[in-house]
Amino acid sequence: MLSRIINKTPWLSSSSTHVPLRVTCSSSASKRVPKSEESSSPLRTVACGLLAVCTVATASPRLPPLSTEPNRCERAFVGNTICQANGVYNKPLDLRFCDYTNEKSNLKGKSVAAALMSDAKFDGADMSEAVMSKAYAVGASFKGTDFSNAVLD
């Protein structure tokens, strides 16, 4: 029942995330309970609803909106100017959806710590001696990328 409510409610739906999410909040999921014995007290319904909202709300990370800065992809060539490997920055390094395919010189040795790199392409790039600590790179492509002497954690 709850999964039908979540699928019909757009702001509760998990369709925008990459991970399928199913929430079951009933005792009948683990054992067979006759329909006549099932109870749905208002308190139990509210508790189950709150649990579902918390689960859906924490299922995917909250990323800032995509930067509208015109040269946001070129900022990778400068890197994180504070050079903190712990992810501290004065301005987010937003490289989402950028294409650095076969970039052989501009990414070498750069600090892209705490960069937002979702769905970016780094195929064939030279990222040797780069620092990529705490970067968020879900869906990014690194086929054939040179990471020799790079810090990736």
N, C-alpha and C. Protein backbone atom coordinates (compact mmCIF):
# COMPACT_ATOMS: atom_id res chain seq x y z
N MET A 1 0.82 -1.19 0.00
CA MET A 1 0.00 0.00 0.00
C MET A 1 0.87 1.26 0.00
N LEU A 2 1.87 1.29 0.87
CA LEU A 2 2.72 2.47 0.97
C LEU A 2 3.51 2.70 -0.31
N SER A 3 3.98 1.62 -0.95
CA SER A 3 4.73 1.80 -2.19
C SER A 3 3.85 2.39 -3.28
N ARG A 4 2.55 2.09 -3.28
CA ARG A 4 1.64 2.71 -4.25
C ARG A 4 1.48 4.20 -3.98
N ILE A 5 1.43 4.57 -2.71
CA ILE A 5 1.32 5.99 -2.35
C ILE A 5 2.56 6.74 -2.79
N ILE A 6 3.72 6.17 -2.54
CA ILE A 6 4.98 6.82 -2.91
C ILE A 6 5.07 6.98 -4.42
N ASN A 7 4.68 5.95 -5.19
CA ASN A 7 4.76 6.04 -6.64
C ASN A 7 3.77 7.03 -7.22
N LYS A 8 2.64 7.26 -6.54
CA LYS A 8 1.65 8.20 -7.04
C LYS A 8 1.90 9.63 -6.59
N THR A 9 2.78 9.82 -5.62
CA THR A 9 3.07 11.15 -5.11
C THR A 9 4.40 11.60 -5.69
N PRO A 10 4.41 12.61 -6.60
CA PRO A 10 5.64 12.99 -7.30
C PRO A 10 6.78 13.37 -6.39
N TRP A 11 6.53 14.10 -5.32
CA TRP A 11 7.64 14.53 -4.47
C TRP A 11 8.15 13.43 -3.58
N LEU A 12 7.44 12.29 -3.50
CA LEU A 12 7.93 11.14 -2.77
C LEU A 12 8.52 10.08 -3.69
N SER A 13 8.34 10.25 -4.98
CA SER A 13 8.75 9.24 -5.93
C SER A 13 10.27 9.16 -6.02
N SER A 14 10.78 7.96 -6.19
CA SER A 14 12.23 7.77 -6.32
C SER A 14 12.64 7.67 -7.77
N SER A 15 11.77 8.07 -8.71
CA SER A 15 12.08 7.91 -10.13
C SER A 15 13.22 8.80 -10.59
N SER A 16 13.52 9.88 -9.85
CA SER A 16 14.60 10.77 -10.27
C SER A 16 15.96 10.29 -9.76
N THR A 17 15.99 9.29 -8.90
CA THR A 17 17.25 8.77 -8.41
C THR A 17 17.69 7.59 -9.27
N HIS A 18 18.94 7.19 -9.14
CA HIS A 18 19.48 6.09 -9.92
C HIS A 18 19.24 4.75 -9.24
N VAL A 19 18.90 4.76 -7.97
CA VAL A 19 18.75 3.53 -7.21
C VAL A 19 17.27 3.26 -6.99
N PRO A 20 16.75 2.09 -7.42
CA PRO A 20 15.35 1.80 -7.16
C PRO A 20 15.12 1.69 -5.67
N LEU A 21 14.01 2.22 -5.21
CA LEU A 21 13.75 2.29 -3.78
C LEU A 21 12.38 1.72 -3.52
N ARG A 22 12.28 0.80 -2.57
CA ARG A 22 11.00 0.23 -2.20
C ARG A 22 10.90 0.27 -0.69
N VAL A 23 9.84 0.85 -0.21
CA VAL A 23 9.61 0.94 1.23
C VAL A 23 8.40 0.10 1.55
N THR A 24 8.54 -0.83 2.48
CA THR A 24 7.43 -1.64 2.94
C THR A 24 7.28 -1.40 4.42
N CYS A 25 6.10 -1.03 4.81
CA CYS A 25 5.86 -0.71 6.21
C CYS A 25 4.61 -1.42 6.67
N SER A 26 4.71 -2.73 6.84
CA SER A 26 3.58 -3.47 7.38
C SER A 26 4.09 -4.78 7.93
N SER A 27 3.34 -5.33 8.85
CA SER A 27 3.74 -6.60 9.44
C SER A 27 3.45 -7.75 8.49
N SER A 28 2.61 -7.52 7.49
CA SER A 28 2.26 -8.60 6.58
C SER A 28 3.38 -8.91 5.59
N ALA A 29 4.41 -8.07 5.52
CA ALA A 29 5.52 -8.32 4.60
C ALA A 29 6.37 -9.48 5.08
N SER A 30 6.47 -9.67 6.40
CA SER A 30 7.33 -10.72 6.92
C SER A 30 6.56 -11.98 7.30
N LYS A 31 5.25 -11.88 7.52
CA LYS A 31 4.45 -13.06 7.84
C LYS A 31 3.05 -12.86 7.30
N ARG A 32 2.37 -13.96 7.11
CA ARG A 32 1.01 -13.89 6.59
C ARG A 32 0.06 -13.56 7.72
N VAL A 33 -0.68 -12.47 7.55
CA VAL A 33 -1.67 -12.04 8.54
C VAL A 33 -3.00 -11.95 7.80
N PRO A 34 -4.02 -12.62 8.32
CA PRO A 34 -5.33 -12.51 7.65
C PRO A 34 -5.78 -11.07 7.59
N LYS A 35 -6.47 -10.71 6.51
CA LYS A 35 -6.91 -9.34 6.29
C LYS A 35 -7.75 -8.83 7.44
N SER A 36 -8.52 -9.70 8.06
CA SER A 36 -9.38 -9.28 9.16
C SER A 36 -8.58 -8.88 10.40
N GLU A 37 -7.34 -9.40 10.53
CA GLU A 37 -6.53 -9.10 11.71
C GLU A 37 -5.61 -7.91 11.52
N GLU A 38 -5.49 -7.41 10.29
CA GLU A 38 -4.62 -6.27 10.04
C GLU A 38 -5.23 -5.03 10.67
N SER A 39 -4.42 -4.29 11.40
CA SER A 39 -4.92 -3.05 12.00
C SER A 39 -4.15 -1.88 11.40
N SER A 40 -4.87 -0.82 11.17
CA SER A 40 -4.20 0.37 10.65
C SER A 40 -4.66 1.56 11.49
N SER A 41 -4.13 1.62 12.67
CA SER A 41 -4.46 2.74 13.55
C SER A 41 -3.86 4.01 12.99
N PRO A 42 -4.47 5.16 13.28
CA PRO A 42 -3.92 6.41 12.76
C PRO A 42 -2.48 6.65 13.17
N LEU A 43 -2.13 6.29 14.40
CA LEU A 43 -0.75 6.49 14.87
C LEU A 43 0.22 5.64 14.06
N ARG A 44 -0.17 4.40 13.79
CA ARG A 44 0.69 3.51 13.01
C ARG A 44 0.84 4.03 11.58
N THR A 45 -0.23 4.54 11.01
CA THR A 45 -0.18 5.09 9.65
C THR A 45 0.73 6.30 9.58
N VAL A 46 0.62 7.19 10.57
CA VAL A 46 1.47 8.39 10.60
C VAL A 46 2.93 7.99 10.77
N ALA A 47 3.21 7.05 11.67
CA ALA A 47 4.59 6.61 11.90
C ALA A 47 5.17 5.99 10.63
N CYS A 48 4.36 5.19 9.95
CA CYS A 48 4.83 4.57 8.72
C CYS A 48 5.09 5.62 7.65
N GLY A 49 4.21 6.62 7.55
CA GLY A 49 4.40 7.70 6.59
C GLY A 49 5.66 8.49 6.85
N LEU A 50 5.91 8.81 8.12
CA LEU A 50 7.14 9.54 8.48
C LEU A 50 8.38 8.73 8.16
N LEU A 51 8.32 7.44 8.42
CA LEU A 51 9.44 6.56 8.09
C LEU A 51 9.71 6.56 6.59
N ALA A 52 8.64 6.50 5.81
CA ALA A 52 8.80 6.50 4.35
C ALA A 52 9.39 7.81 3.86
N VAL A 53 8.93 8.93 4.38
CA VAL A 53 9.46 10.24 3.97
C VAL A 53 10.93 10.36 4.32
N CYS A 54 11.30 9.93 5.52
CA CYS A 54 12.72 9.98 5.93
C CYS A 54 13.58 9.09 5.05
N THR A 55 13.06 7.92 4.71
CA THR A 55 13.82 7.00 3.86
C THR A 55 14.04 7.58 2.47
N VAL A 56 13.00 8.12 1.88
CA VAL A 56 13.12 8.69 0.54
C VAL A 56 13.99 9.94 0.56
N ALA A 57 13.87 10.76 1.61
CA ALA A 57 14.64 12.00 1.69
C ALA A 57 16.13 11.74 1.83
N THR A 58 16.51 10.64 2.45
CA THR A 58 17.93 10.36 2.65
C THR A 58 18.47 9.37 1.63
N ALA A 59 17.67 8.96 0.66
CA ALA A 59 18.10 7.95 -0.30
C ALA A 59 19.11 8.49 -1.31
N SER A 60 19.09 9.77 -1.58
CA SER A 60 20.04 10.32 -2.55
C SER A 60 20.67 11.58 -1.96
N PRO A 61 21.91 11.85 -2.35
CA PRO A 61 22.57 13.03 -1.80
C PRO A 61 21.93 14.31 -2.30
N ARG A 62 22.04 15.33 -1.51
CA ARG A 62 21.52 16.65 -1.89
C ARG A 62 22.67 17.45 -2.48
N LEU A 63 22.65 17.62 -3.78
CA LEU A 63 23.68 18.38 -4.47
C LEU A 63 23.16 19.77 -4.77
N PRO A 64 24.04 20.74 -4.79
CA PRO A 64 23.59 22.09 -5.16
C PRO A 64 23.16 22.12 -6.63
N PRO A 65 22.38 23.11 -7.01
CA PRO A 65 21.98 23.20 -8.42
C PRO A 65 23.21 23.33 -9.32
N LEU A 66 23.06 22.91 -10.55
CA LEU A 66 24.14 23.00 -11.53
C LEU A 66 24.56 24.45 -11.69
N SER A 67 25.85 24.69 -11.66
CA SER A 67 26.37 26.04 -11.76
C SER A 67 26.01 26.65 -13.11
N THR A 68 25.66 27.91 -13.10
CA THR A 68 25.35 28.62 -14.35
C THR A 68 26.55 29.43 -14.83
N GLU A 69 27.67 29.29 -14.13
CA GLU A 69 28.89 30.01 -14.51
C GLU A 69 29.32 29.57 -15.92
N PRO A 70 29.54 30.50 -16.84
CA PRO A 70 29.84 30.12 -18.22
C PRO A 70 31.12 29.32 -18.39
N ASN A 71 32.12 29.51 -17.55
CA ASN A 71 33.39 28.79 -17.69
C ASN A 71 33.57 27.75 -16.60
N ARG A 72 32.49 27.15 -16.12
CA ARG A 72 32.59 26.20 -15.01
C ARG A 72 33.42 24.97 -15.38
N CYS A 73 33.40 24.52 -16.62
CA CYS A 73 34.19 23.36 -17.02
C CYS A 73 35.69 23.68 -17.09
N GLU A 74 36.02 24.90 -17.44
CA GLU A 74 37.42 25.31 -17.51
C GLU A 74 38.04 25.48 -16.12
N ARG A 75 37.22 25.58 -15.08
CA ARG A 75 37.75 25.72 -13.73
C ARG A 75 38.54 24.50 -13.28
N ALA A 76 38.34 23.35 -13.95
CA ALA A 76 39.11 22.16 -13.63
C ALA A 76 40.58 22.36 -13.96
N PHE A 77 40.88 23.21 -14.94
CA PHE A 77 42.26 23.45 -15.34
C PHE A 77 43.00 24.27 -14.29
N VAL A 78 42.27 24.97 -13.45
CA VAL A 78 42.85 25.71 -12.32
C VAL A 78 42.83 24.82 -11.09
N GLY A 79 41.72 24.11 -10.90
CA GLY A 79 41.57 23.21 -9.76
C GLY A 79 41.02 23.92 -8.55
N ASN A 80 41.06 23.22 -7.44
CA ASN A 80 40.60 23.77 -6.17
C ASN A 80 41.70 24.68 -5.65
N THR A 81 41.46 25.98 -5.64
CA THR A 81 42.53 26.94 -5.35
C THR A 81 42.98 26.93 -3.90
N ILE A 82 42.16 26.43 -2.99
CA ILE A 82 42.58 26.36 -1.59
C ILE A 82 43.52 25.17 -1.38
N CYS A 83 43.43 24.19 -2.26
CA CYS A 83 44.29 22.99 -2.22
C CYS A 83 44.14 22.21 -0.93
N GLN A 84 42.94 22.09 -0.45
CA GLN A 84 42.66 21.29 0.74
C GLN A 84 42.18 19.92 0.31
N ALA A 85 42.90 18.89 0.67
CA ALA A 85 42.51 17.53 0.31
C ALA A 85 41.31 17.06 1.13
N ASN A 86 40.97 17.78 2.19
CA ASN A 86 39.84 17.36 3.03
C ASN A 86 38.50 17.86 2.49
N GLY A 87 38.48 18.48 1.36
CA GLY A 87 37.23 18.88 0.73
C GLY A 87 36.78 20.29 1.04
N VAL A 88 37.59 21.08 1.72
CA VAL A 88 37.22 22.46 2.01
C VAL A 88 37.44 23.29 0.76
N TYR A 89 36.49 24.14 0.45
CA TYR A 89 36.63 25.01 -0.72
C TYR A 89 35.90 26.32 -0.47
N ASN A 90 36.29 27.34 -1.20
CA ASN A 90 35.60 28.62 -1.09
C ASN A 90 34.46 28.72 -2.10
N LYS A 91 34.52 27.92 -3.16
CA LYS A 91 33.47 27.89 -4.17
C LYS A 91 33.44 26.47 -4.72
N PRO A 92 32.27 25.84 -4.85
CA PRO A 92 32.23 24.46 -5.35
C PRO A 92 32.83 24.34 -6.75
N LEU A 93 33.56 23.29 -6.96
CA LEU A 93 34.14 23.00 -8.27
C LEU A 93 33.15 22.10 -9.00
N ASP A 94 32.27 22.69 -9.79
CA ASP A 94 31.18 21.98 -10.44
C ASP A 94 31.58 21.57 -11.85
N LEU A 95 31.93 20.30 -12.00
CA LEU A 95 32.36 19.77 -13.30
C LEU A 95 31.34 18.79 -13.86
N ARG A 96 30.12 18.82 -13.34
CA ARG A 96 29.09 17.89 -13.80
C ARG A 96 28.80 18.11 -15.28
N PHE A 97 28.71 16.99 -16.00
CA PHE A 97 28.39 16.94 -17.43
C PHE A 97 29.46 17.58 -18.32
N CYS A 98 30.65 17.88 -17.80
CA CYS A 98 31.73 18.43 -18.62
C CYS A 98 32.42 17.30 -19.38
N ASP A 99 33.02 17.63 -20.49
CA ASP A 99 33.70 16.64 -21.33
C ASP A 99 35.19 16.98 -21.42
N TYR A 100 36.02 16.10 -20.83
CA TYR A 100 37.48 16.27 -20.86
C TYR A 100 38.12 15.11 -21.61
N THR A 101 37.44 14.55 -22.58
CA THR A 101 37.94 13.40 -23.33
C THR A 101 39.28 13.74 -23.98
N ASN A 102 40.27 12.87 -23.74
CA ASN A 102 41.63 12.98 -24.29
C ASN A 102 42.34 14.28 -23.91
N GLU A 103 42.01 14.85 -22.79
CA GLU A 103 42.71 16.04 -22.28
C GLU A 103 44.04 15.57 -21.71
N LYS A 104 45.13 15.92 -22.36
CA LYS A 104 46.44 15.36 -22.00
C LYS A 104 47.32 16.28 -21.16
N SER A 105 47.03 17.56 -21.05
CA SER A 105 47.96 18.43 -20.32
C SER A 105 47.32 19.26 -19.21
N ASN A 106 46.09 19.69 -19.37
CA ASN A 106 45.52 20.66 -18.43
C ASN A 106 45.03 20.09 -17.10
N LEU A 107 44.86 18.76 -17.00
CA LEU A 107 44.38 18.17 -15.74
C LEU A 107 45.50 17.53 -14.93
N LYS A 108 46.67 17.44 -15.50
CA LYS A 108 47.80 16.79 -14.84
C LYS A 108 48.23 17.58 -13.60
N GLY A 109 48.23 16.89 -12.45
CA GLY A 109 48.68 17.50 -11.21
C GLY A 109 47.71 18.48 -10.57
N LYS A 110 46.49 18.55 -11.04
CA LYS A 110 45.53 19.51 -10.49
C LYS A 110 44.84 18.93 -9.26
N SER A 111 44.37 19.80 -8.38
CA SER A 111 43.59 19.39 -7.22
C SER A 111 42.12 19.60 -7.54
N VAL A 112 41.40 18.52 -7.69
CA VAL A 112 39.96 18.58 -7.90
C VAL A 112 39.26 17.95 -6.70
N ALA A 113 39.81 18.22 -5.51
CA ALA A 113 39.23 17.71 -4.28
C ALA A 113 37.84 18.30 -4.09
N ALA A 114 36.93 17.45 -3.66
CA ALA A 114 35.54 17.81 -3.39
C ALA A 114 34.80 18.32 -4.63
N ALA A 115 35.28 17.97 -5.81
CA ALA A 115 34.62 18.41 -7.04
C ALA A 115 33.34 17.61 -7.27
N LEU A 116 32.37 18.26 -7.86
CA LEU A 116 31.14 17.59 -8.28
C LEU A 116 31.36 17.17 -9.73
N MET A 117 31.53 15.86 -9.96
CA MET A 117 31.93 15.37 -11.27
C MET A 117 30.91 14.42 -11.88
N SER A 118 29.68 14.42 -11.42
CA SER A 118 28.67 13.49 -11.91
C SER A 118 28.50 13.60 -13.42
N ASP A 119 28.49 12.45 -14.06
CA ASP A 119 28.25 12.32 -15.50
C ASP A 119 29.24 13.09 -16.37
N ALA A 120 30.41 13.40 -15.85
CA ALA A 120 31.45 14.04 -16.66
C ALA A 120 32.25 12.95 -17.39
N LYS A 121 32.92 13.32 -18.46
CA LYS A 121 33.73 12.37 -19.24
C LYS A 121 35.19 12.75 -19.15
N PHE A 122 35.99 11.80 -18.66
CA PHE A 122 37.44 11.98 -18.55
C PHE A 122 38.16 10.88 -19.33
N ASP A 123 37.51 10.29 -20.31
CA ASP A 123 38.07 9.17 -21.06
C ASP A 123 39.37 9.56 -21.75
N GLY A 124 40.43 8.81 -21.46
CA GLY A 124 41.72 9.05 -22.08
C GLY A 124 42.47 10.26 -21.56
N ALA A 125 41.99 10.88 -20.52
CA ALA A 125 42.65 12.09 -19.99
C ALA A 125 43.87 11.71 -19.15
N ASP A 126 44.80 12.63 -19.03
CA ASP A 126 45.97 12.45 -18.18
C ASP A 126 45.71 13.17 -16.85
N MET A 127 45.39 12.39 -15.81
CA MET A 127 45.16 12.96 -14.48
C MET A 127 46.25 12.46 -13.53
N SER A 128 47.44 12.25 -14.07
CA SER A 128 48.54 11.81 -13.22
C SER A 128 48.87 12.91 -12.21
N GLU A 129 49.19 12.48 -11.01
CA GLU A 129 49.53 13.35 -9.88
C GLU A 129 48.40 14.30 -9.48
N ALA A 130 47.20 14.03 -9.93
CA ALA A 130 46.04 14.85 -9.54
C ALA A 130 45.55 14.41 -8.16
N VAL A 131 44.90 15.30 -7.46
CA VAL A 131 44.29 14.99 -6.16
C VAL A 131 42.79 15.05 -6.34
N MET A 132 42.15 13.90 -6.13
CA MET A 132 40.71 13.80 -6.32
C MET A 132 40.03 13.35 -5.04
N SER A 133 40.47 13.83 -3.89
CA SER A 133 39.89 13.44 -2.61
C SER A 133 38.47 13.96 -2.48
N LYS A 134 37.62 13.11 -1.97
CA LYS A 134 36.24 13.47 -1.65
C LYS A 134 35.46 14.03 -2.83
N ALA A 135 35.83 13.65 -4.03
CA ALA A 135 35.09 14.07 -5.22
C ALA A 135 33.84 13.21 -5.35
N TYR A 136 32.77 13.78 -5.86
CA TYR A 136 31.53 13.05 -6.10
C TYR A 136 31.43 12.83 -7.60
N ALA A 137 31.70 11.58 -8.03
CA ALA A 137 31.81 11.29 -9.45
C ALA A 137 30.88 10.16 -9.90
N VAL A 138 29.68 10.12 -9.37
CA VAL A 138 28.71 9.09 -9.75
C VAL A 138 28.34 9.27 -11.22
N GLY A 139 28.49 8.22 -11.99
CA GLY A 139 28.14 8.27 -13.40
C GLY A 139 29.22 8.86 -14.29
N ALA A 140 30.34 9.28 -13.72
CA ALA A 140 31.43 9.83 -14.53
C ALA A 140 32.17 8.68 -15.22
N SER A 141 32.78 8.98 -16.35
CA SER A 141 33.50 7.97 -17.13
C SER A 141 34.99 8.28 -17.12
N PHE A 142 35.78 7.27 -16.75
CA PHE A 142 37.24 7.42 -16.68
C PHE A 142 37.94 6.33 -17.50
N LYS A 143 37.39 5.92 -18.62
CA LYS A 143 37.98 4.85 -19.43
C LYS A 143 39.32 5.30 -19.99
N GLY A 144 40.36 4.55 -19.67
CA GLY A 144 41.69 4.84 -20.19
C GLY A 144 42.35 6.07 -19.57
N THR A 145 41.84 6.56 -18.47
CA THR A 145 42.43 7.73 -17.81
C THR A 145 43.70 7.32 -17.07
N ASP A 146 44.73 8.14 -17.17
CA ASP A 146 46.01 7.90 -16.50
C ASP A 146 45.95 8.51 -15.10
N PHE A 147 45.91 7.64 -14.07
CA PHE A 147 45.89 8.09 -12.68
C PHE A 147 47.21 7.79 -11.98
N SER A 148 48.32 7.71 -12.70
CA SER A 148 49.58 7.36 -12.05
C SER A 148 49.97 8.46 -11.05
N ASN A 149 50.35 8.03 -9.86
CA ASN A 149 50.73 8.89 -8.74
C ASN A 149 49.63 9.88 -8.33
N ALA A 150 48.39 9.55 -8.63
CA ALA A 150 47.26 10.42 -8.24
C ALA A 150 46.73 9.99 -6.88
N VAL A 151 46.08 10.90 -6.20
CA VAL A 151 45.44 10.62 -4.91
C VAL A 151 43.95 10.52 -5.14
N LEU A 152 43.42 9.31 -4.95
CA LEU A 152 41.98 9.07 -5.15
C LEU A 152 41.45 8.45 -3.88
N ASP A 153 40.78 9.23 -3.09
CA ASP A 153 40.15 8.69 -1.86
C ASP A 153 38.87 9.40 -1.54
